[in-house]
Amino acid sequence: MYIIWYMSNLDKTILNVKLNKSLKQDAQALADEIGVPLSTIVIANLKEFVRSRSLIVSALPRLKIEIEKEIGQAITDYRQGNNVSPILSGSKEVSDYLNSL
């Protein structure tokens, strides 16, 4: 049994965007470097915009909220001594500790 997934051209549309030539070249080069079509990157960003219903504009880089929460929880755990391995010295201590997990 074969299942064929088909998306007709009626399900797609064209988006024309004017942007700086060097920005497009830089984005295309990076997309090529990671092996992803530039259109996939644009679509992924539009999907995230629709999903989150927000647009973050900042001069400073920022982590996603989910990552910030995880880091905050890790810092709290560390300060409380939770989920922290002991200080180990020597390969025998490391081996024993790992085998005890």
PDB file of N, CA and C in Angstrom:
ATOM      1  N   MET A   1       0.838  -1.173   0.000  1.00  0.00           N
ATOM      2  CA  MET A   1       0.000   0.000   0.000  1.00  0.00           C
ATOM      3  C   MET A   1       0.886   1.240   0.000  1.00  0.00           C
ATOM      4  N   TYR A   2       0.600   2.141  -0.871  1.00  0.00           N
ATOM      5  CA  TYR A   2       1.360   3.380  -0.969  1.00  0.00           C
ATOM      6  C   TYR A   2       0.482   4.551  -0.565  1.00  0.00           C
ATOM      7  N   ILE A   3       1.047   5.420   0.244  1.00  0.00           N
ATOM      8  CA  ILE A   3       0.352   6.648   0.613  1.00  0.00           C
ATOM      9  C   ILE A   3       1.113   7.794  -0.048  1.00  0.00           C
ATOM     10  N   ILE A   4       0.421   8.554  -0.833  1.00  0.00           N
ATOM     11  CA  ILE A   4       1.043   9.672  -1.525  1.00  0.00           C
ATOM     12  C   ILE A   4       0.482  10.959  -0.950  1.00  0.00           C
ATOM     13  N   TRP A   5       1.381  11.784  -0.445  1.00  0.00           N
ATOM     14  CA  TRP A   5       0.974  13.075   0.099  1.00  0.00           C
ATOM     15  C   TRP A   5       1.172  14.093  -1.005  1.00  0.00           C
ATOM     16  N   TYR A   6       0.138  14.860  -1.269  1.00  0.00           N
ATOM     17  CA  TYR A   6       0.182  15.788  -2.382  1.00  0.00           C
ATOM     18  C   TYR A   6      -0.365  17.132  -1.945  1.00  0.00           C
ATOM     19  N   MET A   7       0.376  18.171  -2.202  1.00  0.00           N
ATOM     20  CA  MET A   7      -0.105  19.518  -1.920  1.00  0.00           C
ATOM     21  C   MET A   7      -0.209  20.240  -3.258  1.00  0.00           C
ATOM     22  N   SER A   8      -1.393  20.610  -3.610  1.00  0.00           N
ATOM     23  CA  SER A   8      -1.572  21.277  -4.892  1.00  0.00           C
ATOM     24  C   SER A   8      -1.051  22.700  -4.823  1.00  0.00           C
ATOM     25  N   ASN A   9      -0.828  23.288  -5.970  1.00  0.00           N
ATOM     26  CA  ASN A   9      -0.388  24.676  -6.027  1.00  0.00           C
ATOM     27  C   ASN A   9      -1.445  25.617  -5.492  1.00  0.00           C
ATOM     28  N   LEU A  10      -2.684  25.139  -5.373  1.00  0.00           N
ATOM     29  CA  LEU A  10      -3.748  25.973  -4.836  1.00  0.00           C
ATOM     30  C   LEU A  10      -3.545  26.229  -3.346  1.00  0.00           C
ATOM     31  N   ASP A  11      -2.747  25.372  -2.688  1.00  0.00           N
ATOM     32  CA  ASP A  11      -2.489  25.528  -1.260  1.00  0.00           C
ATOM     33  C   ASP A  11      -1.342  26.486  -0.972  1.00  0.00           C
ATOM     34  N   LYS A  12      -0.707  27.000  -1.990  1.00  0.00           N
ATOM     35  CA  LYS A  12       0.455  27.859  -1.812  1.00  0.00           C
ATOM     36  C   LYS A  12       0.206  29.224  -2.440  1.00  0.00           C
ATOM     37  N   THR A  13       1.000  30.182  -2.007  1.00  0.00           N
ATOM     38  CA  THR A  13       0.943  31.522  -2.582  1.00  0.00           C
ATOM     39  C   THR A  13       2.360  32.067  -2.662  1.00  0.00           C
ATOM     40  N   ILE A  14       2.519  33.143  -3.357  1.00  0.00           N
ATOM     41  CA  ILE A  14       3.829  33.764  -3.515  1.00  0.00           C
ATOM     42  C   ILE A  14       3.871  35.034  -2.688  1.00  0.00           C
ATOM     43  N   LEU A  15       4.989  35.240  -1.996  1.00  0.00           N
ATOM     44  CA  LEU A  15       5.219  36.437  -1.208  1.00  0.00           C
ATOM     45  C   LEU A  15       6.423  37.149  -1.805  1.00  0.00           C
ATOM     46  N   ASN A  16       6.216  38.349  -2.276  1.00  0.00           N
ATOM     47  CA  ASN A  16       7.320  39.144  -2.816  1.00  0.00           C
ATOM     48  C   ASN A  16       7.759  40.138  -1.749  1.00  0.00           C
ATOM     49  N   VAL A  17       9.051  40.147  -1.474  1.00  0.00           N
ATOM     50  CA  VAL A  17       9.604  41.024  -0.452  1.00  0.00           C
ATOM     51  C   VAL A  17      10.798  41.754  -1.047  1.00  0.00           C
ATOM     52  N   LYS A  18      10.823  43.063  -0.857  1.00  0.00           N
ATOM     53  CA  LYS A  18      11.981  43.842  -1.292  1.00  0.00           C
ATOM     54  C   LYS A  18      12.894  44.032  -0.090  1.00  0.00           C
ATOM     55  N   LEU A  19      14.184  43.693  -0.284  1.00  0.00           N
ATOM     56  CA  LEU A  19      15.145  43.864   0.790  1.00  0.00           C
ATOM     57  C   LEU A  19      16.497  44.200   0.216  1.00  0.00           C
ATOM     58  N   ASN A  20      17.370  44.624   1.068  1.00  0.00           N
ATOM     59  CA  ASN A  20      18.720  44.988   0.683  1.00  0.00           C
ATOM     60  C   ASN A  20      19.409  43.790   0.045  1.00  0.00           C
ATOM     61  N   LYS A  21      20.077  44.025  -1.087  1.00  0.00           N
ATOM     62  CA  LYS A  21      20.721  42.942  -1.827  1.00  0.00           C
ATOM     63  C   LYS A  21      21.751  42.195  -0.981  1.00  0.00           C
ATOM     64  N   SER A  22      22.550  42.931  -0.206  1.00  0.00           N
ATOM     65  CA  SER A  22      23.581  42.270   0.600  1.00  0.00           C
ATOM     66  C   SER A  22      22.961  41.426   1.715  1.00  0.00           C
ATOM     67  N   LEU A  23      21.831  41.871   2.264  1.00  0.00           N
ATOM     68  CA  LEU A  23      21.136  41.076   3.282  1.00  0.00           C
ATOM     69  C   LEU A  23      20.671  39.761   2.678  1.00  0.00           C
ATOM     70  N   LYS A  24      20.105  39.817   1.487  1.00  0.00           N
ATOM     71  CA  LYS A  24      19.639  38.597   0.829  1.00  0.00           C
ATOM     72  C   LYS A  24      20.811  37.660   0.538  1.00  0.00           C
ATOM     73  N   GLN A  25      21.922  38.215   0.092  1.00  0.00           N
ATOM     74  CA  GLN A  25      23.097  37.390  -0.212  1.00  0.00           C
ATOM     75  C   GLN A  25      23.653  36.749   1.058  1.00  0.00           C
ATOM     76  N   ASP A  26      23.712  37.518   2.143  1.00  0.00           N
ATOM     77  CA  ASP A  26      24.207  36.976   3.410  1.00  0.00           C
ATOM     78  C   ASP A  26      23.287  35.877   3.929  1.00  0.00           C
ATOM     79  N   ALA A  27      21.977  36.122   3.849  1.00  0.00           N
ATOM     80  CA  ALA A  27      21.006  35.126   4.307  1.00  0.00           C
ATOM     81  C   ALA A  27      21.082  33.868   3.445  1.00  0.00           C
ATOM     82  N   GLN A  28      21.211  34.039   2.133  1.00  0.00           N
ATOM     83  CA  GLN A  28      21.309  32.895   1.224  1.00  0.00           C
ATOM     84  C   GLN A  28      22.568  32.091   1.504  1.00  0.00           C
ATOM     85  N   ALA A  29      23.683  32.782   1.750  1.00  0.00           N
ATOM     86  CA  ALA A  29      24.944  32.092   2.046  1.00  0.00           C
ATOM     87  C   ALA A  29      24.826  31.276   3.332  1.00  0.00           C
ATOM     88  N   LEU A  30      24.213  31.861   4.368  1.00  0.00           N
ATOM     89  CA  LEU A  30      24.047  31.143   5.626  1.00  0.00           C
ATOM     90  C   LEU A  30      23.094  29.954   5.450  1.00  0.00           C
ATOM     91  N   ALA A  31      22.019  30.157   4.705  1.00  0.00           N
ATOM     92  CA  ALA A  31      21.079  29.063   4.449  1.00  0.00           C
ATOM     93  C   ALA A  31      21.788  27.924   3.706  1.00  0.00           C
ATOM     94  N   ASP A  32      22.596  28.275   2.719  1.00  0.00           N
ATOM     95  CA  ASP A  32      23.354  27.254   1.983  1.00  0.00           C
ATOM     96  C   ASP A  32      24.329  26.525   2.906  1.00  0.00           C
ATOM     97  N   GLU A  33      24.946  27.291   3.819  1.00  0.00           N
ATOM     98  CA  GLU A  33      25.921  26.712   4.754  1.00  0.00           C
ATOM     99  C   GLU A  33      25.283  25.659   5.647  1.00  0.00           C
ATOM    100  N   ILE A  34      24.061  25.899   6.090  1.00  0.00           N
ATOM    101  CA  ILE A  34      23.400  24.923   6.958  1.00  0.00           C
ATOM    102  C   ILE A  34      22.520  23.951   6.179  1.00  0.00           C
ATOM    103  N   GLY A  35      22.465  24.128   4.861  1.00  0.00           N
ATOM    104  CA  GLY A  35      21.762  23.166   4.015  1.00  0.00           C
ATOM    105  C   GLY A  35      20.247  23.283   4.040  1.00  0.00           C
ATOM    106  N   VAL A  36      19.743  24.497   4.208  1.00  0.00           N
ATOM    107  CA  VAL A  36      18.302  24.720   4.263  1.00  0.00           C
ATOM    108  C   VAL A  36      17.943  25.768   3.218  1.00  0.00           C
ATOM    109  N   PRO A  37      16.883  25.538   2.441  1.00  0.00           N
ATOM    110  CA  PRO A  37      16.468  26.572   1.485  1.00  0.00           C
ATOM    111  C   PRO A  37      16.075  27.857   2.217  1.00  0.00           C
ATOM    112  N   LEU A  38      16.379  28.988   1.627  1.00  0.00           N
ATOM    113  CA  LEU A  38      16.048  30.273   2.229  1.00  0.00           C
ATOM    114  C   LEU A  38      14.545  30.399   2.442  1.00  0.00           C
ATOM    115  N   SER A  39      13.757  29.829   1.549  1.00  0.00           N
ATOM    116  CA  SER A  39      12.297  29.882   1.706  1.00  0.00           C
ATOM    117  C   SER A  39      11.853  29.160   2.969  1.00  0.00           C
ATOM    118  N   THR A  40      12.534  28.097   3.349  1.00  0.00           N
ATOM    119  CA  THR A  40      12.200  27.370   4.573  1.00  0.00           C
ATOM    120  C   THR A  40      12.447  28.244   5.799  1.00  0.00           C
ATOM    121  N   ILE A  41      13.514  29.021   5.771  1.00  0.00           N
ATOM    122  CA  ILE A  41      13.817  29.919   6.884  1.00  0.00           C
ATOM    123  C   ILE A  41      12.757  31.003   7.000  1.00  0.00           C
ATOM    124  N   VAL A  42      12.355  31.569   5.868  1.00  0.00           N
ATOM    125  CA  VAL A  42      11.316  32.603   5.879  1.00  0.00           C
ATOM    126  C   VAL A  42      10.002  32.023   6.391  1.00  0.00           C
ATOM    127  N   ILE A  43       9.638  30.843   5.916  1.00  0.00           N
ATOM    128  CA  ILE A  43       8.389  30.199   6.341  1.00  0.00           C
ATOM    129  C   ILE A  43       8.425  29.888   7.835  1.00  0.00           C
ATOM    130  N   ALA A  44       9.548  29.377   8.324  1.00  0.00           N
ATOM    131  CA  ALA A  44       9.667  29.052   9.752  1.00  0.00           C
ATOM    132  C   ALA A  44       9.494  30.297  10.609  1.00  0.00           C
ATOM    133  N   ASN A  45      10.085  31.404  10.179  1.00  0.00           N
ATOM    134  CA  ASN A  45       9.944  32.645  10.935  1.00  0.00           C
ATOM    135  C   ASN A  45       8.522  33.181  10.884  1.00  0.00           C
ATOM    136  N   LEU A  46       7.860  33.075   9.764  1.00  0.00           N
ATOM    137  CA  LEU A  46       6.464  33.502   9.677  1.00  0.00           C
ATOM    138  C   LEU A  46       5.573  32.622  10.554  1.00  0.00           C
ATOM    139  N   LYS A  47       5.830  31.313  10.580  1.00  0.00           N
ATOM    140  CA  LYS A  47       5.046  30.419  11.439  1.00  0.00           C
ATOM    141  C   LYS A  47       5.229  30.770  12.910  1.00  0.00           C
ATOM    142  N   GLU A  48       6.461  31.079  13.313  1.00  0.00           N
ATOM    143  CA  GLU A  48       6.720  31.455  14.703  1.00  0.00           C
ATOM    144  C   GLU A  48       6.022  32.772  15.032  1.00  0.00           C
ATOM    145  N   PHE A  49       6.008  33.709  14.104  1.00  0.00           N
ATOM    146  CA  PHE A  49       5.314  34.981  14.288  1.00  0.00           C
ATOM    147  C   PHE A  49       3.821  34.754  14.516  1.00  0.00           C
ATOM    148  N   VAL A  50       3.234  33.877  13.712  1.00  0.00           N
ATOM    149  CA  VAL A  50       1.802  33.571  13.856  1.00  0.00           C
ATOM    150  C   VAL A  50       1.550  32.805  15.149  1.00  0.00           C
ATOM    151  N   ARG A  51       2.399  31.818  15.453  1.00  0.00           N
ATOM    152  CA  ARG A  51       2.214  31.006  16.649  1.00  0.00           C
ATOM    153  C   ARG A  51       2.307  31.840  17.919  1.00  0.00           C
ATOM    154  N   SER A  52       3.339  32.684  17.999  1.00  0.00           N
ATOM    155  CA  SER A  52       3.573  33.450  19.223  1.00  0.00           C
ATOM    156  C   SER A  52       2.783  34.759  19.258  1.00  0.00           C
ATOM    157  N   ARG A  53       2.274  35.139  18.097  1.00  0.00           N
ATOM    158  CA  ARG A  53       1.544  36.407  17.970  1.00  0.00           C
ATOM    159  C   ARG A  53       2.380  37.573  18.490  1.00  0.00           C
ATOM    160  N   SER A  54       3.686  37.490  18.259  1.00  0.00           N
ATOM    161  CA  SER A  54       4.568  38.561  18.713  1.00  0.00           C
ATOM    162  C   SER A  54       5.747  38.702  17.769  1.00  0.00           C
ATOM    163  N   LEU A  55       6.330  39.873  17.837  1.00  0.00           N
ATOM    164  CA  LEU A  55       7.531  40.175  17.076  1.00  0.00           C
ATOM    165  C   LEU A  55       8.489  40.862  18.038  1.00  0.00           C
ATOM    166  N   ILE A  56       9.658  40.288  18.206  1.00  0.00           N
ATOM    167  CA  ILE A  56      10.644  40.860  19.109  1.00  0.00           C
ATOM    168  C   ILE A  56      11.641  41.648  18.280  1.00  0.00           C
ATOM    169  N   VAL A  57      11.764  42.914  18.603  1.00  0.00           N
ATOM    170  CA  VAL A  57      12.723  43.784  17.935  1.00  0.00           C
ATOM    171  C   VAL A  57      13.676  44.293  19.004  1.00  0.00           C
ATOM    172  N   SER A  58      14.939  43.978  18.837  1.00  0.00           N
ATOM    173  CA  SER A  58      15.904  44.351  19.861  1.00  0.00           C
ATOM    174  C   SER A  58      17.271  44.542  19.230  1.00  0.00           C
ATOM    175  N   ALA A  59      18.027  45.449  19.792  1.00  0.00           N
ATOM    176  CA  ALA A  59      19.405  45.632  19.348  1.00  0.00           C
ATOM    177  C   ALA A  59      20.311  44.580  19.990  1.00  0.00           C
ATOM    178  N   LEU A  60      19.804  43.928  21.029  1.00  0.00           N
ATOM    179  CA  LEU A  60      20.573  42.909  21.740  1.00  0.00           C
ATOM    180  C   LEU A  60      20.015  41.525  21.449  1.00  0.00           C
ATOM    181  N   PRO A  61      20.877  40.528  21.318  1.00  0.00           N
ATOM    182  CA  PRO A  61      20.381  39.167  21.125  1.00  0.00           C
ATOM    183  C   PRO A  61      19.634  38.700  22.373  1.00  0.00           C
ATOM    184  N   ARG A  62      18.624  37.866  22.189  1.00  0.00           N
ATOM    185  CA  ARG A  62      17.829  37.381  23.303  1.00  0.00           C
ATOM    186  C   ARG A  62      17.487  35.913  23.096  1.00  0.00           C
ATOM    187  N   LEU A  63      17.497  35.168  24.194  1.00  0.00           N
ATOM    188  CA  LEU A  63      17.117  33.757  24.143  1.00  0.00           C
ATOM    189  C   LEU A  63      15.604  33.635  24.087  1.00  0.00           C
ATOM    190  N   LYS A  64      15.137  32.505  23.593  1.00  0.00           N
ATOM    191  CA  LYS A  64      13.698  32.239  23.625  1.00  0.00           C
ATOM    192  C   LYS A  64      13.257  32.128  25.079  1.00  0.00           C
ATOM    193  N   ILE A  65      12.010  32.487  25.345  1.00  0.00           N
ATOM    194  CA  ILE A  65      11.475  32.477  26.706  1.00  0.00           C
ATOM    195  C   ILE A  65      11.622  31.102  27.344  1.00  0.00           C
ATOM    196  N   GLU A  66      11.388  30.036  26.582  1.00  0.00           N
ATOM    197  CA  GLU A  66      11.486  28.683  27.115  1.00  0.00           C
ATOM    198  C   GLU A  66      12.905  28.398  27.601  1.00  0.00           C
ATOM    199  N   ILE A  67      13.896  28.846  26.847  1.00  0.00           N
ATOM    200  CA  ILE A  67      15.297  28.624  27.222  1.00  0.00           C
ATOM    201  C   ILE A  67      15.638  29.444  28.465  1.00  0.00           C
ATOM    202  N   GLU A  68      15.159  30.699  28.517  1.00  0.00           N
ATOM    203  CA  GLU A  68      15.406  31.531  29.700  1.00  0.00           C
ATOM    204  C   GLU A  68      14.825  30.871  30.954  1.00  0.00           C
ATOM    205  N   LYS A  69      13.638  30.261  30.841  1.00  0.00           N
ATOM    206  CA  LYS A  69      13.018  29.587  31.985  1.00  0.00           C
ATOM    207  C   LYS A  69      13.862  28.391  32.425  1.00  0.00           C
ATOM    208  N   GLU A  70      14.348  27.608  31.453  1.00  0.00           N
ATOM    209  CA  GLU A  70      15.171  26.449  31.785  1.00  0.00           C
ATOM    210  C   GLU A  70      16.469  26.871  32.475  1.00  0.00           C
ATOM    211  N   ILE A  71      17.087  27.932  31.988  1.00  0.00           N
ATOM    212  CA  ILE A  71      18.323  28.417  32.614  1.00  0.00           C
ATOM    213  C   ILE A  71      18.031  28.920  34.021  1.00  0.00           C
ATOM    214  N   GLY A  72      16.916  29.645  34.178  1.00  0.00           N
ATOM    215  CA  GLY A  72      16.524  30.125  35.506  1.00  0.00           C
ATOM    216  C   GLY A  72      16.320  28.984  36.478  1.00  0.00           C
ATOM    217  N   GLN A  73      15.673  27.906  36.011  1.00  0.00           N
ATOM    218  CA  GLN A  73      15.447  26.733  36.864  1.00  0.00           C
ATOM    219  C   GLN A  73      16.777  26.061  37.205  1.00  0.00           C
ATOM    220  N   ALA A  74      17.684  25.985  36.240  1.00  0.00           N
ATOM    221  CA  ALA A  74      18.995  25.379  36.492  1.00  0.00           C
ATOM    222  C   ALA A  74      19.777  26.186  37.520  1.00  0.00           C
ATOM    223  N   ILE A  75      19.693  27.510  37.450  1.00  0.00           N
ATOM    224  CA  ILE A  75      20.383  28.362  38.432  1.00  0.00           C
ATOM    225  C   ILE A  75      19.795  28.154  39.824  1.00  0.00           C
ATOM    226  N   THR A  76      18.458  28.095  39.893  1.00  0.00           N
ATOM    227  CA  THR A  76      17.790  27.856  41.175  1.00  0.00           C
ATOM    228  C   THR A  76      18.205  26.503  41.742  1.00  0.00           C
ATOM    229  N   ASP A  77      18.198  25.461  40.919  1.00  0.00           N
ATOM    230  CA  ASP A  77      18.623  24.126  41.352  1.00  0.00           C
ATOM    231  C   ASP A  77      20.055  24.159  41.877  1.00  0.00           C
ATOM    232  N   TYR A  78      20.925  24.835  41.156  1.00  0.00           N
ATOM    233  CA  TYR A  78      22.336  24.906  41.561  1.00  0.00           C
ATOM    234  C   TYR A  78      22.468  25.580  42.923  1.00  0.00           C
ATOM    235  N   ARG A  79      21.784  26.685  43.110  1.00  0.00           N
ATOM    236  CA  ARG A  79      21.869  27.415  44.382  1.00  0.00           C
ATOM    237  C   ARG A  79      21.331  26.598  45.543  1.00  0.00           C
ATOM    238  N   GLN A  80      20.335  25.737  45.264  1.00  0.00           N
ATOM    239  CA  GLN A  80      19.739  24.903  46.308  1.00  0.00           C
ATOM    240  C   GLN A  80      20.458  23.559  46.449  1.00  0.00           C
ATOM    241  N   GLY A  81      21.429  23.317  45.594  1.00  0.00           N
ATOM    242  CA  GLY A  81      22.172  22.063  45.653  1.00  0.00           C
ATOM    243  C   GLY A  81      21.439  20.887  45.036  1.00  0.00           C
ATOM    244  N   ASN A  82      20.407  21.157  44.253  1.00  0.00           N
ATOM    245  CA  ASN A  82      19.646  20.093  43.582  1.00  0.00           C
ATOM    246  C   ASN A  82      20.236  19.820  42.200  1.00  0.00           C
ATOM    247  N   ASN A  83      20.215  18.554  41.794  1.00  0.00           N
ATOM    248  CA  ASN A  83      20.668  18.152  40.456  1.00  0.00           C
ATOM    249  C   ASN A  83      22.102  18.599  40.176  1.00  0.00           C
ATOM    250  N   VAL A  84      22.948  18.511  41.184  1.00  0.00           N
ATOM    251  CA  VAL A  84      24.343  18.927  41.049  1.00  0.00           C
ATOM    252  C   VAL A  84      25.215  17.737  41.423  1.00  0.00           C
ATOM    253  N   SER A  85      26.150  17.409  40.556  1.00  0.00           N
ATOM    254  CA  SER A  85      27.051  16.313  40.882  1.00  0.00           C
ATOM    255  C   SER A  85      28.120  16.803  41.856  1.00  0.00           C
ATOM    256  N   PRO A  86      28.674  15.900  42.632  1.00  0.00           N
ATOM    257  CA  PRO A  86      29.720  16.298  43.588  1.00  0.00           C
ATOM    258  C   PRO A  86      31.027  16.615  42.866  1.00  0.00           C
ATOM    259  N   ILE A  87      31.925  17.274  43.579  1.00  0.00           N
ATOM    260  CA  ILE A  87      33.258  17.537  43.029  1.00  0.00           C
ATOM    261  C   ILE A  87      34.027  16.224  43.098  1.00  0.00           C
ATOM    262  N   LEU A  88      34.576  15.833  41.983  1.00  0.00           N
ATOM    263  CA  LEU A  88      35.271  14.553  41.895  1.00  0.00           C
ATOM    264  C   LEU A  88      36.727  14.788  41.536  1.00  0.00           C
ATOM    265  N   SER A  89      37.595  14.008  42.134  1.00  0.00           N
ATOM    266  CA  SER A  89      39.017  14.110  41.776  1.00  0.00           C
ATOM    267  C   SER A  89      39.521  12.707  41.497  1.00  0.00           C
ATOM    268  N   GLY A  90      40.007  12.523  40.337  1.00  0.00           N
ATOM    269  CA  GLY A  90      40.542  11.224  39.963  1.00  0.00           C
ATOM    270  C   GLY A  90      39.552  10.398  39.160  1.00  0.00           C
ATOM    271  N   SER A  91      40.119   9.577  38.309  1.00  0.00           N
ATOM    272  CA  SER A  91      39.293   8.780  37.406  1.00  0.00           C
ATOM    273  C   SER A  91      38.473   7.725  38.148  1.00  0.00           C
ATOM    274  N   LYS A  92      38.998   7.197  39.255  1.00  0.00           N
ATOM    275  CA  LYS A  92      38.244   6.192  40.015  1.00  0.00           C
ATOM    276  C   LYS A  92      36.981   6.806  40.598  1.00  0.00           C
ATOM    277  N   GLU A  93      37.083   8.013  41.165  1.00  0.00           N
ATOM    278  CA  GLU A  93      35.897   8.678  41.720  1.00  0.00           C
ATOM    279  C   GLU A  93      34.875   8.963  40.632  1.00  0.00           C
ATOM    280  N   VAL A  94      35.355   9.408  39.472  1.00  0.00           N
ATOM    281  CA  VAL A  94      34.454   9.685  38.351  1.00  0.00           C
ATOM    282  C   VAL A  94      33.768   8.403  37.914  1.00  0.00           C
ATOM    283  N   SER A  95      34.530   7.347  37.753  1.00  0.00           N
ATOM    284  CA  SER A  95      33.979   6.066  37.330  1.00  0.00           C
ATOM    285  C   SER A  95      32.961   5.534  38.339  1.00  0.00           C
ATOM    286  N   ASP A  96      33.306   5.587  39.628  1.00  0.00           N
ATOM    287  CA  ASP A  96      32.387   5.124  40.667  1.00  0.00           C
ATOM    288  C   ASP A  96      31.091   5.942  40.679  1.00  0.00           C
ATOM    289  N   TYR A  97      31.255   7.247  40.545  1.00  0.00           N
ATOM    290  CA  TYR A  97      30.058   8.120  40.555  1.00  0.00           C
ATOM    291  C   TYR A  97      29.158   7.804  39.354  1.00  0.00           C
ATOM    292  N   LEU A  98      29.747   7.702  38.174  1.00  0.00           N
ATOM    293  CA  LEU A  98      28.952   7.422  36.985  1.00  0.00           C
ATOM    294  C   LEU A  98      28.282   6.049  37.054  1.00  0.00           C
ATOM    295  N   ASN A  99      28.977   5.076  37.614  1.00  0.00           N
ATOM    296  CA  ASN A  99      28.390   3.744  37.757  1.00  0.00           C
ATOM    297  C   ASN A  99      27.266   3.718  38.781  1.00  0.00           C
ATOM    298  N   SER A 100      27.270   4.690  39.719  1.00  0.00           N
ATOM    299  CA  SER A 100      26.220   4.717  40.737  1.00  0.00           C
ATOM    300  C   SER A 100      24.931   5.344  40.235  1.00  0.00           C
ATOM    301  N   LEU A 101      24.979   5.997  39.091  1.00  0.00           N
ATOM    302  CA  LEU A 101      23.777   6.684  38.582  1.00  0.00           C
ATOM    303  C   LEU A 101      22.777   5.720  37.990  1.00  0.00           C
TER     304      LEU A 101
END
